[in-house]
PDB file of N, CA and C in Angstrom:
ATOM      1  N   MET A   1     133.132  84.501  69.717  1.00  0.00           N
ATOM      2  CA  MET A   1     133.199  84.628  71.008  1.00  0.00           C
ATOM      3  C   MET A   1     134.677  85.100  71.364  1.00  0.00           C
ATOM      4  N   GLY A   2     135.720  84.517  70.653  1.00  0.00           N
ATOM      5  CA  GLY A   2     137.292  84.884  71.197  1.00  0.00           C
ATOM      6  C   GLY A   2     137.173  86.596  70.593  1.00  0.00           C
ATOM      7  N   ASN A   3     136.449  87.140  69.954  1.00  0.00           N
ATOM      8  CA  ASN A   3     136.732  88.696  69.818  1.00  0.00           C
ATOM      9  C   ASN A   3     136.363  89.527  70.537  1.00  0.00           C
ATOM     10  N   LEU A   4     135.920  89.281  72.060  1.00  0.00           N
ATOM     11  CA  LEU A   4     135.243  89.913  72.944  1.00  0.00           C
ATOM     12  C   LEU A   4     136.166  91.208  73.419  1.00  0.00           C
ATOM     13  N   LYS A   5     135.761  92.404  73.496  1.00  0.00           N
ATOM     14  CA  LYS A   5     136.387  93.499  73.715  1.00  0.00           C
ATOM     15  C   LYS A   5     136.148  93.620  75.469  1.00  0.00           C
ATOM     16  N   GLN A   6     137.618  93.935  75.977  1.00  0.00           N
ATOM     17  CA  GLN A   6     137.485  94.023  77.535  1.00  0.00           C
ATOM     18  C   GLN A   6     137.266  95.844  77.507  1.00  0.00           C
ATOM     19  N   ASP A   7     136.674  95.821  78.418  1.00  0.00           N
ATOM     20  CA  ASP A   7     136.545  97.464  79.210  1.00  0.00           C
ATOM     21  C   ASP A   7     137.671  98.107  79.353  1.00  0.00           C
ATOM     22  N   THR A   8     138.108  98.900  78.795  1.00  0.00           N
ATOM     23  CA  THR A   8     139.496  99.835  78.951  1.00  0.00           C
ATOM     24  C   THR A   8     139.550 100.492  80.173  1.00  0.00           C
ATOM     25  N   MET A   9     138.450 100.383  81.051  1.00  0.00           N
ATOM     26  CA  MET A   9     138.582 101.191  82.103  1.00  0.00           C
ATOM     27  C   MET A   9     139.475 100.095  83.221  1.00  0.00           C
ATOM     28  N   PRO A  10     140.374 101.012  84.002  1.00  0.00           N
ATOM     29  CA  PRO A  10     141.587  99.642  84.612  1.00  0.00           C
ATOM     30  C   PRO A  10     140.665  99.714  86.069  1.00  0.00           C
ATOM     31  N   VAL A  11     141.138  98.278  86.392  1.00  0.00           N
ATOM     32  CA  VAL A  11     140.450  97.916  87.596  1.00  0.00           C
ATOM     33  C   VAL A  11     141.092  98.471  88.810  1.00  0.00           C
ATOM     34  N   ILE A  12     140.411  99.024  89.883  1.00  0.00           N
ATOM     35  CA  ILE A  12     141.207  99.654  91.363  1.00  0.00           C
ATOM     36  C   ILE A  12     141.057  98.932  92.307  1.00  0.00           C
ATOM     37  N   ARG A  13     141.644  98.151  92.915  1.00  0.00           N
ATOM     38  CA  ARG A  13     141.680  96.909  93.821  1.00  0.00           C
ATOM     39  C   ARG A  13     141.826  97.776  95.202  1.00  0.00           C
ATOM     40  N   GLU A  14     142.317  98.847  95.057  1.00  0.00           N
ATOM     41  CA  GLU A  14     142.653  99.577  96.636  1.00  0.00           C
ATOM     42  C   GLU A  14     141.800 100.822  96.509  1.00  0.00           C
ATOM     43  N   LEU A  15     140.962 101.348  97.680  1.00  0.00           N
ATOM     44  CA  LEU A  15     140.398 102.185  97.707  1.00  0.00           C
ATOM     45  C   LEU A  15     141.102 103.541  97.518  1.00  0.00           C
ATOM     46  N   LEU A  16     142.434 103.354  98.337  1.00  0.00           N
ATOM     47  CA  LEU A  16     143.033 104.663  98.470  1.00  0.00           C
ATOM     48  C   LEU A  16     143.461 105.041  97.091  1.00  0.00           C
ATOM     49  N   ASP A  17     143.689 104.046  96.001  1.00  0.00           N
ATOM     50  CA  ASP A  17     143.820 104.565  94.466  1.00  0.00           C
ATOM     51  C   ASP A  17     142.857 105.146  93.961  1.00  0.00           C
ATOM     52  N   PHE A  18     141.933 105.132  94.189  1.00  0.00           N
ATOM     53  CA  PHE A  18     140.543 105.393  93.490  1.00  0.00           C
ATOM     54  C   PHE A  18     140.642 107.443  93.646  1.00  0.00           C
ATOM     55  N   ASP A  19     140.068 107.762  92.226  1.00  0.00           N
ATOM     56  CA  ASP A  19     140.145 109.263  92.093  1.00  0.00           C
ATOM     57  C   ASP A  19     138.749 109.560  92.840  1.00  0.00           C
ATOM     58  N   ARG A  20     138.679 110.224  93.806  1.00  0.00           N
ATOM     59  CA  ARG A  20     137.337 110.706  94.401  1.00  0.00           C
ATOM     60  C   ARG A  20     136.698 111.861  93.580  1.00  0.00           C
ATOM     61  N   ARG A  21     137.391 112.288  92.844  1.00  0.00           N
ATOM     62  CA  ARG A  21     136.948 113.298  92.125  1.00  0.00           C
ATOM     63  C   ARG A  21     136.362 112.969  90.765  1.00  0.00           C
ATOM     64  N   SER A  22     136.445 111.994  90.584  1.00  0.00           N
ATOM     65  CA  SER A  22     135.856 111.116  89.167  1.00  0.00           C
ATOM     66  C   SER A  22     134.408 111.166  89.106  1.00  0.00           C
ATOM     67  N   GLY A  23     133.488 111.238  88.122  1.00  0.00           N
ATOM     68  CA  GLY A  23     131.907 110.957  87.932  1.00  0.00           C
ATOM     69  C   GLY A  23     131.616 112.623  88.374  1.00  0.00           C
ATOM     70  N   ASN A  24     130.144 112.334  87.893  1.00  0.00           N
ATOM     71  CA  ASN A  24     129.492 113.364  87.881  1.00  0.00           C
ATOM     72  C   ASN A  24     129.223 113.853  89.400  1.00  0.00           C
ATOM     73  N   LEU A  25     128.462 114.888  89.771  1.00  0.00           N
ATOM     74  CA  LEU A  25     127.997 115.316  91.061  1.00  0.00           C
ATOM     75  C   LEU A  25     127.679 114.254  91.939  1.00  0.00           C
ATOM     76  N   LEU A  26     126.394 113.705  91.183  1.00  0.00           N
ATOM     77  CA  LEU A  26     125.484 112.624  91.940  1.00  0.00           C
ATOM     78  C   LEU A  26     126.438 111.606  92.207  1.00  0.00           C
ATOM     79  N   GLU A  27     127.098 111.156  91.126  1.00  0.00           N
ATOM     80  CA  GLU A  27     127.991 109.802  91.553  1.00  0.00           C
ATOM     81  C   GLU A  27     128.916 110.421  92.945  1.00  0.00           C
ATOM     82  N   ARG A  28     129.817 111.481  92.763  1.00  0.00           N
ATOM     83  CA  ARG A  28     130.770 111.888  93.754  1.00  0.00           C
ATOM     84  C   ARG A  28     129.627 111.770  95.030  1.00  0.00           C
ATOM     85  N   LEU A  29     128.455 112.264  95.138  1.00  0.00           N
ATOM     86  CA  LEU A  29     127.819 112.494  96.620  1.00  0.00           C
ATOM     87  C   LEU A  29     127.547 111.030  97.190  1.00  0.00           C
ATOM     88  N   VAL A  30     127.244 110.363  96.290  1.00  0.00           N
ATOM     89  CA  VAL A  30     126.607 109.048  96.537  1.00  0.00           C
ATOM     90  C   VAL A  30     128.268 108.045  97.128  1.00  0.00           C
ATOM     91  N   PHE A  31     129.068 107.819  96.292  1.00  0.00           N
ATOM     92  CA  PHE A  31     130.179 107.145  96.344  1.00  0.00           C
ATOM     93  C   PHE A  31     130.952 107.556  97.378  1.00  0.00           C
ATOM     94  N   ASN A  32     131.534 108.832  97.446  1.00  0.00           N
ATOM     95  CA  ASN A  32     132.244 109.226  98.300  1.00  0.00           C
ATOM     96  C   ASN A  32     131.870 109.700  99.910  1.00  0.00           C
ATOM     97  N   TYR A  33     130.494 109.759 100.059  1.00  0.00           N
ATOM     98  CA  TYR A  33     130.044 109.685 101.350  1.00  0.00           C
ATOM     99  C   TYR A  33     129.174 108.575 101.627  1.00  0.00           C
ATOM    100  N   ARG A  34     129.544 107.275 101.297  1.00  0.00           N
ATOM    101  CA  ARG A  34     128.548 106.368 101.549  1.00  0.00           C
ATOM    102  C   ARG A  34     128.061 106.094 103.081  1.00  0.00           C
ATOM    103  N   PRO A  35     129.072 106.127 103.972  1.00  0.00           N
ATOM    104  CA  PRO A  35     128.090 106.037 105.254  1.00  0.00           C
ATOM    105  C   PRO A  35     126.759 107.164 105.632  1.00  0.00           C
ATOM    106  N   LEU A  36     127.048 108.192 105.049  1.00  0.00           N
ATOM    107  CA  LEU A  36     126.489 109.382 105.016  1.00  0.00           C
ATOM    108  C   LEU A  36     124.771 109.082 104.491  1.00  0.00           C
ATOM    109  N   PHE A  37     125.172 108.498 103.330  1.00  0.00           N
ATOM    110  CA  PHE A  37     124.160 108.125 102.187  1.00  0.00           C
ATOM    111  C   PHE A  37     123.481 106.982 102.699  1.00  0.00           C
ATOM    112  N   MET A  38     124.082 106.113 103.008  1.00  0.00           N
ATOM    113  CA  MET A  38     123.141 104.796 103.907  1.00  0.00           C
ATOM    114  C   MET A  38     122.572 105.160 104.918  1.00  0.00           C
ATOM    115  N   LEU A  39     123.038 106.066 105.728  1.00  0.00           N
ATOM    116  CA  LEU A  39     122.141 106.642 106.946  1.00  0.00           C
ATOM    117  C   LEU A  39     120.840 107.295 106.544  1.00  0.00           C
ATOM    118  N   LEU A  40     121.117 108.325 105.343  1.00  0.00           N
ATOM    119  CA  LEU A  40     119.905 109.379 104.984  1.00  0.00           C
ATOM    120  C   LEU A  40     118.791 107.974 104.554  1.00  0.00           C
ATOM    121  N   MET A  41     119.133 107.162 103.836  1.00  0.00           N
ATOM    122  CA  MET A  41     118.690 106.194 103.190  1.00  0.00           C
ATOM    123  C   MET A  41     117.694 105.517 104.110  1.00  0.00           C
ATOM    124  N   ALA A  42     118.233 104.970 105.094  1.00  0.00           N
ATOM    125  CA  ALA A  42     117.651 104.211 106.455  1.00  0.00           C
ATOM    126  C   ALA A  42     116.857 104.833 107.119  1.00  0.00           C
ATOM    127  N   LEU A  43     116.932 106.313 107.247  1.00  0.00           N
ATOM    128  CA  LEU A  43     116.291 107.405 107.920  1.00  0.00           C
ATOM    129  C   LEU A  43     114.878 107.236 107.290  1.00  0.00           C
ATOM    130  N   ALA A  44     115.194 107.759 105.934  1.00  0.00           N
ATOM    131  CA  ALA A  44     113.969 107.919 104.909  1.00  0.00           C
ATOM    132  C   ALA A  44     113.006 106.679 104.913  1.00  0.00           C
ATOM    133  N   THR A  45     113.566 105.542 104.719  1.00  0.00           N
ATOM    134  CA  THR A  45     112.942 104.203 105.051  1.00  0.00           C
ATOM    135  C   THR A  45     111.920 104.212 106.106  1.00  0.00           C
ATOM    136  N   VAL A  46     112.804 104.444 107.473  1.00  0.00           N
ATOM    137  CA  VAL A  46     111.728 104.648 108.495  1.00  0.00           C
ATOM    138  C   VAL A  46     110.668 105.416 108.516  1.00  0.00           C
ATOM    139  N   VAL A  47     111.185 106.835 108.209  1.00  0.00           N
ATOM    140  CA  VAL A  47     110.245 107.727 108.222  1.00  0.00           C
ATOM    141  C   VAL A  47     109.295 107.421 107.344  1.00  0.00           C
ATOM    142  N   LEU A  48     109.360 107.118 105.973  1.00  0.00           N
ATOM    143  CA  LEU A  48     108.087 106.452 105.057  1.00  0.00           C
ATOM    144  C   LEU A  48     107.379 105.346 105.417  1.00  0.00           C
ATOM    145  N   GLY A  49     108.024 104.408 106.229  1.00  0.00           N
ATOM    146  CA  GLY A  49     107.393 103.373 106.686  1.00  0.00           C
ATOM    147  C   GLY A  49     106.545 103.669 107.912  1.00  0.00           C
ATOM    148  N   PHE A  50     106.730 104.594 108.768  1.00  0.00           N
ATOM    149  CA  PHE A  50     105.920 104.713 109.991  1.00  0.00           C
ATOM    150  C   PHE A  50     104.905 105.720 109.248  1.00  0.00           C
ATOM    151  N   MET A  51     104.953 106.658 108.245  1.00  0.00           N
ATOM    152  CA  MET A  51     103.901 107.242 107.928  1.00  0.00           C
ATOM    153  C   MET A  51     103.053 106.284 107.061  1.00  0.00           C
ATOM    154  N   ALA A  52     103.558 105.566 106.407  1.00  0.00           N
ATOM    155  CA  ALA A  52     102.583 104.440 105.805  1.00  0.00           C
ATOM    156  C   ALA A  52     101.649 103.710 106.690  1.00  0.00           C
ATOM    157  N   VAL A  53     102.357 103.107 107.965  1.00  0.00           N
ATOM    158  CA  VAL A  53     101.769 102.327 109.081  1.00  0.00           C
ATOM    159  C   VAL A  53     100.611 103.154 109.664  1.00  0.00           C
ATOM    160  N   THR A  54     100.761 104.613 110.034  1.00  0.00           N
ATOM    161  CA  THR A  54     100.215 105.201 110.648  1.00  0.00           C
ATOM    162  C   THR A  54      98.874 106.154 110.087  1.00  0.00           C
ATOM    163  N   ARG A  55      99.258 106.334 108.800  1.00  0.00           N
ATOM    164  CA  ARG A  55      98.074 107.197 107.675  1.00  0.00           C
ATOM    165  C   ARG A  55      97.533 106.220 106.989  1.00  0.00           C
ATOM    166  N   LEU A  56      97.854 104.915 106.810  1.00  0.00           N
ATOM    167  CA  LEU A  56      97.183 104.180 105.531  1.00  0.00           C
ATOM    168  C   LEU A  56      95.851 103.594 106.117  1.00  0.00           C
ATOM    169  N   GLU A  57      94.924 103.725 105.772  1.00  0.00           N
ATOM    170  CA  GLU A  57      93.501 103.513 105.775  1.00  0.00           C
ATOM    171  C   GLU A  57      92.719 102.785 104.725  1.00  0.00           C
ATOM    172  N   LEU A  58      92.357 101.754 104.789  1.00  0.00           N
ATOM    173  CA  LEU A  58      91.717 100.934 103.797  1.00  0.00           C
ATOM    174  C   LEU A  58      90.059 101.349 104.145  1.00  0.00           C
ATOM    175  N   ARG A  59      89.630 101.824 102.835  1.00  0.00           N
ATOM    176  CA  ARG A  59      88.405 102.116 102.359  1.00  0.00           C
ATOM    177  C   ARG A  59      87.460 101.259 101.417  1.00  0.00           C
ATOM    178  N   PRO A  60      87.266 100.029 101.587  1.00  0.00           N
ATOM    179  CA  PRO A  60      86.688  99.001 100.769  1.00  0.00           C
ATOM    180  C   PRO A  60      85.071  99.605 100.546  1.00  0.00           C
ATOM    181  N   SER A  61      85.146 100.031  99.426  1.00  0.00           N
ATOM    182  CA  SER A  61      83.613 100.061  98.887  1.00  0.00           C
ATOM    183  C   SER A  61      83.223  99.374  97.737  1.00  0.00           C
ATOM    184  N   PHE A  62      81.991  98.879  97.852  1.00  0.00           N
ATOM    185  CA  PHE A  62      81.712  98.225  96.475  1.00  0.00           C
ATOM    186  C   PHE A  62      81.192  98.989  95.648  1.00  0.00           C
ATOM    187  N   GLU A  63      80.269 100.400  95.916  1.00  0.00           N
ATOM    188  CA  GLU A  63      79.946 101.110  95.047  1.00  0.00           C
ATOM    189  C   GLU A  63      81.139 101.984  94.142  1.00  0.00           C
ATOM    190  N   LYS A  64      82.242 102.049  94.933  1.00  0.00           N
ATOM    191  CA  LYS A  64      83.306 102.742  93.961  1.00  0.00           C
ATOM    192  C   LYS A  64      83.694 101.842  93.116  1.00  0.00           C
ATOM    193  N   MET A  65      83.715 100.330  93.252  1.00  0.00           N
ATOM    194  CA  MET A  65      84.488  99.449  92.386  1.00  0.00           C
ATOM    195  C   MET A  65      83.516  99.381  91.375  1.00  0.00           C
ATOM    196  N   ILE A  66      82.246  99.388  91.266  1.00  0.00           N
ATOM    197  CA  ILE A  66      81.714  99.098  89.981  1.00  0.00           C
ATOM    198  C   ILE A  66      81.556 100.151  89.180  1.00  0.00           C
ATOM    199  N   PRO A  67      81.264  99.800  87.774  1.00  0.00           N
ATOM    200  CA  PRO A  67      81.345 100.866  86.419  1.00  0.00           C
ATOM    201  C   PRO A  67      80.061 101.454  86.398  1.00  0.00           C
ATOM    202  N   GLN A  68      79.941 102.658  87.138  1.00  0.00           N
ATOM    203  CA  GLN A  68      78.840 103.431  87.663  1.00  0.00           C
ATOM    204  C   GLN A  68      77.932 104.043  85.859  1.00  0.00           C
ATOM    205  N   SER A  69      78.724 103.839  84.984  1.00  0.00           N
ATOM    206  CA  SER A  69      78.056 104.153  83.571  1.00  0.00           C
ATOM    207  C   SER A  69      77.429 103.319  82.845  1.00  0.00           C
ATOM    208  N   GLN A  70      77.112 102.082  83.639  1.00  0.00           N
ATOM    209  CA  GLN A  70      76.489 100.911  82.579  1.00  0.00           C
ATOM    210  C   GLN A  70      74.871 100.910  83.099  1.00  0.00           C
ATOM    211  N   PRO A  71      73.927 100.923  82.430  1.00  0.00           N
ATOM    212  CA  PRO A  71      72.650 101.142  82.598  1.00  0.00           C
ATOM    213  C   PRO A  71      72.353  99.767  83.388  1.00  0.00           C
ATOM    214  N   TYR A  72      72.836  98.738  83.681  1.00  0.00           N
ATOM    215  CA  TYR A  72      72.462  97.898  84.789  1.00  0.00           C
ATOM    216  C   TYR A  72      72.632  98.268  86.354  1.00  0.00           C
ATOM    217  N   ILE A  73      73.822  98.768  86.033  1.00  0.00           N
ATOM    218  CA  ILE A  73      74.489  99.574  87.496  1.00  0.00           C
ATOM    219  C   ILE A  73      73.729 100.533  87.763  1.00  0.00           C
ATOM    220  N   GLN A  74      73.403 101.607  87.116  1.00  0.00           N
ATOM    221  CA  GLN A  74      72.343 102.845  87.485  1.00  0.00           C
ATOM    222  C   GLN A  74      71.113 102.424  87.748  1.00  0.00           C
ATOM    223  N   ASN A  75      70.541 101.101  87.062  1.00  0.00           N
ATOM    224  CA  ASN A  75      69.465 100.750  87.724  1.00  0.00           C
ATOM    225  C   ASN A  75      69.374 100.167  89.080  1.00  0.00           C
ATOM    226  N   PHE A  76      70.770  99.568  89.203  1.00  0.00           N
ATOM    227  CA  PHE A  76      70.617  98.730  90.756  1.00  0.00           C
ATOM    228  C   PHE A  76      70.795  99.849  91.716  1.00  0.00           C
ATOM    229  N   LEU A  77      71.918 100.972  91.374  1.00  0.00           N
ATOM    230  CA  LEU A  77      71.803 101.963  92.096  1.00  0.00           C
ATOM    231  C   LEU A  77      70.721 102.948  92.698  1.00  0.00           C
ATOM    232  N   GLU A  78      69.650 102.951  91.354  1.00  0.00           N
ATOM    233  CA  GLU A  78      68.575 103.868  91.893  1.00  0.00           C
ATOM    234  C   GLU A  78      67.489 102.801  92.605  1.00  0.00           C
ATOM    235  N   ASN A  79      67.613 101.531  92.592  1.00  0.00           N
ATOM    236  CA  ASN A  79      66.693 100.759  93.683  1.00  0.00           C
ATOM    237  C   ASN A  79      67.577  99.731  94.336  1.00  0.00           C
ATOM    238  N   ARG A  80      68.440 100.377  94.624  1.00  0.00           N
ATOM    239  CA  ARG A  80      69.431  99.571  95.738  1.00  0.00           C
ATOM    240  C   ARG A  80      68.426  99.542  97.189  1.00  0.00           C
ATOM    241  N   ALA A  81      67.737 100.648  97.919  1.00  0.00           N
ATOM    242  CA  ALA A  81      67.153 100.588  98.797  1.00  0.00           C
ATOM    243  C   ALA A  81      66.416  99.286  99.178  1.00  0.00           C
ATOM    244  N   SER A  82      65.803  98.757  97.971  1.00  0.00           N
ATOM    245  CA  SER A  82      64.617  97.865  97.735  1.00  0.00           C
ATOM    246  C   SER A  82      65.478  96.370  97.677  1.00  0.00           C
ATOM    247  N   LEU A  83      66.727  96.502  97.315  1.00  0.00           N
ATOM    248  CA  LEU A  83      67.639  95.221  96.918  1.00  0.00           C
ATOM    249  C   LEU A  83      68.395  94.791  97.831  1.00  0.00           C
ATOM    250  N   ARG A  84      68.493  95.634  99.234  1.00  0.00           N
ATOM    251  CA  ARG A  84      69.232  95.445 100.290  1.00  0.00           C
ATOM    252  C   ARG A  84      68.913  93.667 100.832  1.00  0.00           C
ATOM    253  N   GLY A  85      69.912  93.229 101.318  1.00  0.00           N
ATOM    254  CA  GLY A  85      69.914  91.578 101.768  1.00  0.00           C
ATOM    255  C   GLY A  85      69.485  90.516 100.924  1.00  0.00           C
ATOM    256  N   LEU A  86      69.494  90.695  99.678  1.00  0.00           N
ATOM    257  CA  LEU A  86      69.207  89.853  98.655  1.00  0.00           C
ATOM    258  C   LEU A  86      70.609  88.773  98.485  1.00  0.00           C
ATOM    259  N   GLY A  87      71.780  89.418  98.556  1.00  0.00           N
ATOM    260  CA  GLY A  87      72.876  88.453  98.612  1.00  0.00           C
ATOM    261  C   GLY A  87      73.474  88.360  97.040  1.00  0.00           C
ATOM    262  N   ASN A  88      73.395  87.058  96.591  1.00  0.00           N
ATOM    263  CA  ASN A  88      73.693  86.639  95.511  1.00  0.00           C
ATOM    264  C   ASN A  88      72.374  86.042  94.920  1.00  0.00           C
ATOM    265  N   SER A  89      71.145  86.555  95.614  1.00  0.00           N
ATOM    266  CA  SER A  89      70.308  85.914  94.800  1.00  0.00           C
ATOM    267  C   SER A  89      69.579  86.652  93.422  1.00  0.00           C
ATOM    268  N   VAL A  90      69.019  85.950  92.558  1.00  0.00           N
ATOM    269  CA  VAL A  90      68.423  86.650  91.518  1.00  0.00           C
ATOM    270  C   VAL A  90      66.875  86.440  91.227  1.00  0.00           C
ATOM    271  N   ARG A  91      66.264  87.573  91.389  1.00  0.00           N
ATOM    272  CA  ARG A  91      64.414  87.490  91.415  1.00  0.00           C
ATOM    273  C   ARG A  91      64.027  87.391  89.910  1.00  0.00           C
ATOM    274  N   VAL A  92      63.234  86.241  89.471  1.00  0.00           N
ATOM    275  CA  VAL A  92      62.625  86.185  88.073  1.00  0.00           C
ATOM    276  C   VAL A  92      61.115  86.538  88.166  1.00  0.00           C
ATOM    277  N   VAL A  93      60.724  87.421  87.793  1.00  0.00           N
ATOM    278  CA  VAL A  93      59.460  87.907  87.570  1.00  0.00           C
ATOM    279  C   VAL A  93      59.011  87.479  86.181  1.00  0.00           C
ATOM    280  N   VAL A  94      57.647  86.509  86.451  1.00  0.00           N
ATOM    281  CA  VAL A  94      57.273  86.147  84.993  1.00  0.00           C
ATOM    282  C   VAL A  94      55.801  86.572  84.796  1.00  0.00           C
ATOM    283  N   GLU A  95      55.452  87.288  83.426  1.00  0.00           N
ATOM    284  CA  GLU A  95      54.575  87.810  82.978  1.00  0.00           C
ATOM    285  C   GLU A  95      53.637  87.179  82.358  1.00  0.00           C
ATOM    286  N   THR A  96      52.556  87.082  82.319  1.00  0.00           N
ATOM    287  CA  THR A  96      51.453  86.484  81.442  1.00  0.00           C
ATOM    288  C   THR A  96      50.332  87.196  81.036  1.00  0.00           C
ATOM    289  N   PRO A  97      50.396  87.861  80.152  1.00  0.00           N
ATOM    290  CA  PRO A  97      49.823  88.962  79.462  1.00  0.00           C
ATOM    291  C   PRO A  97      48.342  88.467  78.939  1.00  0.00           C
ATOM    292  N   LYS A  98      48.342  87.183  78.638  1.00  0.00           N
ATOM    293  CA  LYS A  98      46.727  86.501  78.212  1.00  0.00           C
ATOM    294  C   LYS A  98      46.036  85.661  79.401  1.00  0.00           C
ATOM    295  N   ALA A  99      46.872  85.164  80.174  1.00  0.00           N
ATOM    296  CA  ALA A  99      46.388  84.374  81.213  1.00  0.00           C
ATOM    297  C   ALA A  99      45.721  84.987  82.347  1.00  0.00           C
ATOM    298  N   THR A 100      44.963  84.655  83.387  1.00  0.00           N
ATOM    299  CA  THR A 100      44.783  85.301  84.267  1.00  0.00           C
ATOM    300  C   THR A 100      45.248  84.471  85.507  1.00  0.00           C
ATOM    301  N   PHE A 101      44.987  84.838  86.649  1.00  0.00           N
ATOM    302  CA  PHE A 101      45.706  83.927  87.745  1.00  0.00           C
ATOM    303  C   PHE A 101      44.718  82.659  87.906  1.00  0.00           C
ATOM    304  N   SER A 102      43.460  82.810  87.363  1.00  0.00           N
ATOM    305  CA  SER A 102      42.590  81.544  87.882  1.00  0.00           C
ATOM    306  C   SER A 102      43.075  80.454  86.793  1.00  0.00           C
ATOM    307  N   THR A 103      43.344  80.982  85.652  1.00  0.00           N
ATOM    308  CA  THR A 103      43.157  80.023  84.638  1.00  0.00           C
ATOM    309  C   THR A 103      44.800  79.526  84.463  1.00  0.00           C
ATOM    310  N   LEU A 104      45.610  80.241  85.218  1.00  0.00           N
ATOM    311  CA  LEU A 104      47.219  79.734  84.886  1.00  0.00           C
ATOM    312  C   LEU A 104      47.736  78.781  86.195  1.00  0.00           C
ATOM    313  N   ASN A 105      48.245  77.719  85.424  1.00  0.00           N
ATOM    314  CA  ASN A 105      48.858  76.581  85.873  1.00  0.00           C
ATOM    315  C   ASN A 105      50.042  77.007  86.624  1.00  0.00           C
ATOM    316  N   THR A 106      49.768  77.150  87.767  1.00  0.00           N
ATOM    317  CA  THR A 106      51.247  78.046  88.543  1.00  0.00           C
ATOM    318  C   THR A 106      52.129  77.086  88.488  1.00  0.00           C
ATOM    319  N   SER A 107      51.926  75.925  88.946  1.00  0.00           N
ATOM    320  CA  SER A 107      53.087  74.943  89.090  1.00  0.00           C
ATOM    321  C   SER A 107      54.134  74.404  87.746  1.00  0.00           C
ATOM    322  N   THR A 108      53.221  74.716  86.474  1.00  0.00           N
ATOM    323  CA  THR A 108      53.816  74.522  85.105  1.00  0.00           C
ATOM    324  C   THR A 108      54.685  75.654  84.860  1.00  0.00           C
ATOM    325  N   CYS A 109      54.229  77.002  84.910  1.00  0.00           N
ATOM    326  CA  CYS A 109      54.889  78.022  85.053  1.00  0.00           C
ATOM    327  C   CYS A 109      56.296  78.454  85.516  1.00  0.00           C
ATOM    328  N   SER A 110      56.177  77.976  86.949  1.00  0.00           N
ATOM    329  CA  SER A 110      57.291  78.095  87.605  1.00  0.00           C
ATOM    330  C   SER A 110      58.145  77.068  87.576  1.00  0.00           C
ATOM    331  N   SER A 111      57.676  75.981  87.191  1.00  0.00           N
ATOM    332  CA  SER A 111      58.814  74.793  86.356  1.00  0.00           C
ATOM    333  C   SER A 111      59.526  75.518  85.388  1.00  0.00           C
ATOM    334  N   ARG A 112      58.797  75.757  84.492  1.00  0.00           N
ATOM    335  CA  ARG A 112      59.300  76.337  83.194  1.00  0.00           C
ATOM    336  C   ARG A 112      60.232  77.518  83.481  1.00  0.00           C
ATOM    337  N   SER A 113      60.002  78.479  84.208  1.00  0.00           N
ATOM    338  CA  SER A 113      60.711  79.423  84.496  1.00  0.00           C
ATOM    339  C   SER A 113      62.205  79.159  85.345  1.00  0.00           C
ATOM    340  N   THR A 114      61.803  78.047  86.172  1.00  0.00           N
ATOM    341  CA  THR A 114      63.161  77.683  86.926  1.00  0.00           C
ATOM    342  C   THR A 114      64.298  76.730  86.078  1.00  0.00           C
ATOM    343  N   THR A 115      63.615  76.108  84.976  1.00  0.00           N
ATOM    344  CA  THR A 115      64.313  75.342  84.325  1.00  0.00           C
ATOM    345  C   THR A 115      65.145  76.305  83.108  1.00  0.00           C
ATOM    346  N   ASN A 116      64.207  77.283  82.522  1.00  0.00           N
ATOM    347  CA  ASN A 116      64.957  78.458  81.644  1.00  0.00           C
ATOM    348  C   ASN A 116      66.119  79.343  82.395  1.00  0.00           C
ATOM    349  N   CYS A 117      65.854  79.329  83.646  1.00  0.00           N
ATOM    350  CA  CYS A 117      66.937  80.363  84.098  1.00  0.00           C
ATOM    351  C   CYS A 117      67.766  79.495  84.862  1.00  0.00           C
ATOM    352  N   SER A 118      67.948  78.310  84.728  1.00  0.00           N
ATOM    353  CA  SER A 118      68.924  77.611  85.298  1.00  0.00           C
ATOM    354  C   SER A 118      70.494  77.590  84.755  1.00  0.00           C
ATOM    355  N   SER A 119      70.413  78.094  83.528  1.00  0.00           N
ATOM    356  CA  SER A 119      71.846  78.270  82.914  1.00  0.00           C
ATOM    357  C   SER A 119      72.105  79.466  82.841  1.00  0.00           C
ATOM    358  N   PRO A 120      73.301  79.872  82.842  1.00  0.00           N
ATOM    359  CA  PRO A 120      73.890  81.184  82.874  1.00  0.00           C
ATOM    360  C   PRO A 120      73.553  82.078  81.551  1.00  0.00           C
ATOM    361  N   LYS A 121      73.550  81.216  80.437  1.00  0.00           N
ATOM    362  CA  LYS A 121      72.997  81.879  79.027  1.00  0.00           C
ATOM    363  C   LYS A 121      71.887  82.647  79.447  1.00  0.00           C
ATOM    364  N   ALA A 122      70.514  82.006  79.876  1.00  0.00           N
ATOM    365  CA  ALA A 122      69.212  82.375  80.079  1.00  0.00           C
ATOM    366  C   ALA A 122      69.396  83.534  80.690  1.00  0.00           C
ATOM    367  N   LEU A 123      70.344  83.858  81.835  1.00  0.00           N
ATOM    368  CA  LEU A 123      70.479  84.787  82.824  1.00  0.00           C
ATOM    369  C   LEU A 123      70.862  86.347  82.015  1.00  0.00           C
ATOM    370  N   ILE A 124      71.902  85.783  80.934  1.00  0.00           N
ATOM    371  CA  ILE A 124      72.591  86.831  80.712  1.00  0.00           C
ATOM    372  C   ILE A 124      71.707  87.424  79.324  1.00  0.00           C
ATOM    373  N   GLY A 125      70.930  86.545  78.624  1.00  0.00           N
ATOM    374  CA  GLY A 125      69.947  86.976  77.741  1.00  0.00           C
ATOM    375  C   GLY A 125      70.624  86.204  76.324  1.00  0.00           C
ATOM    376  N   ARG A 126      69.444  85.885  75.378  1.00  0.00           N
ATOM    377  CA  ARG A 126      69.596  85.039  74.238  1.00  0.00           C
ATOM    378  C   ARG A 126      69.862  85.987  73.197  1.00  0.00           C
ATOM    379  N   GLY A 127      70.247  87.024  73.066  1.00  0.00           N
ATOM    380  CA  GLY A 127      70.360  88.058  72.293  1.00  0.00           C
ATOM    381  C   GLY A 127      72.063  88.176  71.338  1.00  0.00           C
TER     382      GLY A 127
END
């Protein structure tokens, strides 16, 4: 810790002692013309802020946010007219290829369907 080198550049305590020709072009423009530079930055801030306030439009769209390359989403988009107004509900269709409507015990079937679909794993799939 005792071997720290101090910067060899001298400290200039008075602005009159500062060489206004030192530094590159950008440094000279910024530091030699500080009031003008600050005025230009304030003006740019006001102009850009005004443009942001007057031209900013929010266009929230559910369909632009979803990944449209997935098969599930493509199926949704194809059938969106029949799915309007469902909100967050999930429809479950139970098919019974061997039973007929008259032989089917509907209360048992709907009870089993509800029980099987009550967990998120059942909705995602068991594969």
